[in-house]
Amino acid sequence: GTNIDCTVRAVDEASFHVQLTIEQSSVLDDAQQQKLQTPRNAPAFRSFRFTNSAILKEGQTTQFTNAADALTGEVVRVDVTLNVVK
Protein backbone atom coordinates (compact mmCIF):
# COMPACT_ATOMS: atom_id res chain seq x y z
CA GLY A 1 0.00 0.00 0.00
CA THR A 2 0.90 3.64 -0.22
CA ASN A 3 0.58 6.32 2.47
CA ILE A 4 1.08 10.01 1.69
CA ASP A 5 1.24 12.66 4.41
CA CYS A 6 1.55 16.31 3.47
CA THR A 7 1.65 19.47 5.56
CA VAL A 8 1.75 23.01 4.25
CA ARG A 9 2.27 26.26 6.13
CA ALA A 10 2.61 29.82 4.93
CA VAL A 11 6.11 31.30 5.10
CA ASP A 12 5.01 34.71 3.85
CA GLU A 13 2.30 36.08 1.54
CA ALA A 14 3.68 34.29 -1.52
CA SER A 15 5.68 31.29 -0.23
CA PHE A 16 4.68 28.04 1.46
CA HIS A 17 6.68 25.38 3.29
CA VAL A 18 5.59 21.96 1.96
CA GLN A 19 6.59 18.79 3.82
CA LEU A 20 5.83 15.43 2.25
CA THR A 21 6.26 11.88 3.57
CA ILE A 22 5.57 8.90 1.32
CA GLU A 23 5.62 5.28 2.45
CA GLN A 24 5.09 2.41 0.04
CA SER A 25 5.31 -1.31 0.73
CA SER A 26 4.60 -4.42 -1.31
CA VAL A 27 5.22 -8.14 -1.51
CA LEU A 28 7.56 -9.27 -4.27
CA ASP A 29 6.00 -11.43 -6.97
CA ASP A 30 7.42 -14.84 -7.95
CA ALA A 31 9.61 -13.51 -10.76
CA GLN A 32 11.15 -10.87 -8.49
CA GLN A 33 11.72 -13.42 -5.71
CA GLN A 34 13.69 -15.64 -8.08
CA LYS A 35 16.40 -12.93 -8.16
CA LEU A 36 16.88 -13.09 -4.38
CA GLN A 37 19.14 -15.39 -2.37
CA THR A 38 16.46 -15.92 0.33
CA PRO A 39 14.55 -19.17 0.83
CA ARG A 40 12.23 -19.59 -2.15
CA ASN A 41 9.02 -20.20 -0.18
CA ALA A 42 9.40 -17.27 2.22
CA PRO A 43 7.57 -14.04 1.36
CA ALA A 44 9.83 -11.08 0.58
CA PHE A 45 8.76 -7.51 1.21
CA ARG A 46 10.08 -4.27 -0.15
CA SER A 47 9.49 -0.83 1.27
CA PHE A 48 10.22 2.75 0.38
CA ARG A 49 10.02 5.72 2.73
CA PHE A 50 10.78 9.26 1.74
CA THR A 51 10.52 12.56 3.60
CA ASN A 52 11.43 15.93 2.13
CA SER A 53 10.40 19.56 2.29
CA ALA A 54 10.62 22.60 0.05
CA ILE A 55 9.56 26.22 -0.14
CA LEU A 56 7.16 26.68 -3.07
CA LYS A 57 5.16 29.53 -4.59
CA GLU A 58 1.77 29.35 -6.32
CA GLY A 59 1.96 27.13 -9.42
CA GLN A 60 5.56 26.11 -8.80
CA THR A 61 6.61 22.47 -9.32
CA THR A 62 9.60 20.66 -7.86
CA GLN A 63 10.88 17.08 -7.96
CA PHE A 64 10.98 15.77 -4.39
CA THR A 65 12.67 12.44 -5.13
CA ASN A 66 13.93 10.15 -7.85
CA ALA A 67 14.95 6.65 -6.71
CA ALA A 68 15.50 3.30 -8.44
CA ASP A 69 14.61 -0.07 -6.95
CA ALA A 70 17.84 -2.08 -6.76
CA LEU A 71 16.09 -5.36 -7.55
CA THR A 72 13.66 -4.44 -10.34
CA GLY A 73 15.15 -1.20 -11.70
CA GLU A 74 11.72 0.41 -11.33
CA VAL A 75 12.08 4.18 -10.88
CA VAL A 76 9.97 6.10 -8.36
CA ARG A 77 9.76 9.82 -9.08
CA VAL A 78 7.69 12.29 -7.08
CA ASP A 79 6.91 15.72 -8.51
CA VAL A 80 4.93 18.19 -6.40
CA THR A 81 3.01 21.24 -7.62
CA LEU A 82 1.56 23.82 -5.24
CA ASN A 83 -1.88 25.18 -6.13
CA VAL A 84 -3.38 27.63 -3.64
CA VAL A 85 -7.17 27.46 -3.21
CA LYS A 86 -8.55 30.83 -2.19
C-alpha atoms as a PDB file:
ATOM      1  CA  GLY A   1       0.000   0.000   0.000  1.00  0.00           C
ATOM      2  CA  THR A   2       0.900   3.642  -0.222  1.00  0.00           C
ATOM      3  CA  ASN A   3       0.583   6.319   2.471  1.00  0.00           C
ATOM      4  CA  ILE A   4       1.076  10.007   1.691  1.00  0.00           C
ATOM      5  CA  ASP A   5       1.237  12.657   4.415  1.00  0.00           C
ATOM      6  CA  CYS A   6       1.554  16.306   3.469  1.00  0.00           C
ATOM      7  CA  THR A   7       1.646  19.468   5.563  1.00  0.00           C
ATOM      8  CA  VAL A   8       1.750  23.014   4.251  1.00  0.00           C
ATOM      9  CA  ARG A   9       2.268  26.260   6.127  1.00  0.00           C
ATOM     10  CA  ALA A  10       2.614  29.819   4.931  1.00  0.00           C
ATOM     11  CA  VAL A  11       6.106  31.298   5.096  1.00  0.00           C
ATOM     12  CA  ASP A  12       5.007  34.713   3.852  1.00  0.00           C
ATOM     13  CA  GLU A  13       2.302  36.080   1.537  1.00  0.00           C
ATOM     14  CA  ALA A  14       3.679  34.289  -1.523  1.00  0.00           C
ATOM     15  CA  SER A  15       5.676  31.291  -0.234  1.00  0.00           C
ATOM     16  CA  PHE A  16       4.682  28.040   1.457  1.00  0.00           C
ATOM     17  CA  HIS A  17       6.682  25.380   3.289  1.00  0.00           C
ATOM     18  CA  VAL A  18       5.592  21.963   1.960  1.00  0.00           C
ATOM     19  CA  GLN A  19       6.589  18.791   3.821  1.00  0.00           C
ATOM     20  CA  LEU A  20       5.827  15.432   2.247  1.00  0.00           C
ATOM     21  CA  THR A  21       6.261  11.878   3.568  1.00  0.00           C
ATOM     22  CA  ILE A  22       5.566   8.903   1.319  1.00  0.00           C
ATOM     23  CA  GLU A  23       5.621   5.278   2.446  1.00  0.00           C
ATOM     24  CA  GLN A  24       5.091   2.408   0.036  1.00  0.00           C
ATOM     25  CA  SER A  25       5.308  -1.307   0.733  1.00  0.00           C
ATOM     26  CA  SER A  26       4.595  -4.416  -1.315  1.00  0.00           C
ATOM     27  CA  VAL A  27       5.224  -8.143  -1.511  1.00  0.00           C
ATOM     28  CA  LEU A  28       7.561  -9.273  -4.274  1.00  0.00           C
ATOM     29  CA  ASP A  29       5.997 -11.429  -6.971  1.00  0.00           C
ATOM     30  CA  ASP A  30       7.419 -14.843  -7.946  1.00  0.00           C
ATOM     31  CA  ALA A  31       9.613 -13.506 -10.765  1.00  0.00           C
ATOM     32  CA  GLN A  32      11.154 -10.866  -8.490  1.00  0.00           C
ATOM     33  CA  GLN A  33      11.725 -13.417  -5.706  1.00  0.00           C
ATOM     34  CA  GLN A  34      13.695 -15.644  -8.084  1.00  0.00           C
ATOM     35  CA  LYS A  35      16.400 -12.932  -8.160  1.00  0.00           C
ATOM     36  CA  LEU A  36      16.877 -13.092  -4.383  1.00  0.00           C
ATOM     37  CA  GLN A  37      19.137 -15.387  -2.369  1.00  0.00           C
ATOM     38  CA  THR A  38      16.461 -15.916   0.327  1.00  0.00           C
ATOM     39  CA  PRO A  39      14.547 -19.167   0.830  1.00  0.00           C
ATOM     40  CA  ARG A  40      12.232 -19.590  -2.150  1.00  0.00           C
ATOM     41  CA  ASN A  41       9.021 -20.202  -0.183  1.00  0.00           C
ATOM     42  CA  ALA A  42       9.396 -17.268   2.224  1.00  0.00           C
ATOM     43  CA  PRO A  43       7.569 -14.045   1.355  1.00  0.00           C
ATOM     44  CA  ALA A  44       9.829 -11.082   0.577  1.00  0.00           C
ATOM     45  CA  PHE A  45       8.764  -7.506   1.206  1.00  0.00           C
ATOM     46  CA  ARG A  46      10.080  -4.265  -0.151  1.00  0.00           C
ATOM     47  CA  SER A  47       9.489  -0.832   1.269  1.00  0.00           C
ATOM     48  CA  PHE A  48      10.220   2.755   0.378  1.00  0.00           C
ATOM     49  CA  ARG A  49      10.020   5.722   2.731  1.00  0.00           C
ATOM     50  CA  PHE A  50      10.784   9.256   1.737  1.00  0.00           C
ATOM     51  CA  THR A  51      10.517  12.560   3.604  1.00  0.00           C
ATOM     52  CA  ASN A  52      11.427  15.931   2.132  1.00  0.00           C
ATOM     53  CA  SER A  53      10.398  19.563   2.295  1.00  0.00           C
ATOM     54  CA  ALA A  54      10.619  22.596   0.047  1.00  0.00           C
ATOM     55  CA  ILE A  55       9.559  26.216  -0.142  1.00  0.00           C
ATOM     56  CA  LEU A  56       7.163  26.684  -3.074  1.00  0.00           C
ATOM     57  CA  LYS A  57       5.163  29.533  -4.588  1.00  0.00           C
ATOM     58  CA  GLU A  58       1.770  29.352  -6.319  1.00  0.00           C
ATOM     59  CA  GLY A  59       1.956  27.131  -9.421  1.00  0.00           C
ATOM     60  CA  GLN A  60       5.563  26.112  -8.798  1.00  0.00           C
ATOM     61  CA  THR A  61       6.614  22.473  -9.324  1.00  0.00           C
ATOM     62  CA  THR A  62       9.604  20.656  -7.859  1.00  0.00           C
ATOM     63  CA  GLN A  63      10.880  17.084  -7.963  1.00  0.00           C
ATOM     64  CA  PHE A  64      10.976  15.766  -4.390  1.00  0.00           C
ATOM     65  CA  THR A  65      12.673  12.442  -5.132  1.00  0.00           C
ATOM     66  CA  ASN A  66      13.930  10.147  -7.847  1.00  0.00           C
ATOM     67  CA  ALA A  67      14.946   6.646  -6.710  1.00  0.00           C
ATOM     68  CA  ALA A  68      15.498   3.303  -8.440  1.00  0.00           C
ATOM     69  CA  ASP A  69      14.609  -0.073  -6.948  1.00  0.00           C
ATOM     70  CA  ALA A  70      17.838  -2.079  -6.761  1.00  0.00           C
ATOM     71  CA  LEU A  71      16.087  -5.356  -7.553  1.00  0.00           C
ATOM     72  CA  THR A  72      13.658  -4.440 -10.338  1.00  0.00           C
ATOM     73  CA  GLY A  73      15.145  -1.201 -11.696  1.00  0.00           C
ATOM     74  CA  GLU A  74      11.717   0.414 -11.327  1.00  0.00           C
ATOM     75  CA  VAL A  75      12.079   4.180 -10.879  1.00  0.00           C
ATOM     76  CA  VAL A  76       9.975   6.104  -8.363  1.00  0.00           C
ATOM     77  CA  ARG A  77       9.759   9.819  -9.084  1.00  0.00           C
ATOM     78  CA  VAL A  78       7.691  12.288  -7.081  1.00  0.00           C
ATOM     79  CA  ASP A  79       6.906  15.718  -8.513  1.00  0.00           C
ATOM     80  CA  VAL A  80       4.935  18.190  -6.401  1.00  0.00           C
ATOM     81  CA  THR A  81       3.007  21.243  -7.624  1.00  0.00           C
ATOM     82  CA  LEU A  82       1.561  23.822  -5.240  1.00  0.00           C
ATOM     83  CA  ASN A  83      -1.884  25.179  -6.133  1.00  0.00           C
ATOM     84  CA  VAL A  84      -3.384  27.630  -3.643  1.00  0.00           C
ATOM     85  CA  VAL A  85      -7.167  27.460  -3.211  1.00  0.00           C
ATOM     86  CA  LYS A  86      -8.554  30.835  -2.187  1.00  0.00           C
END
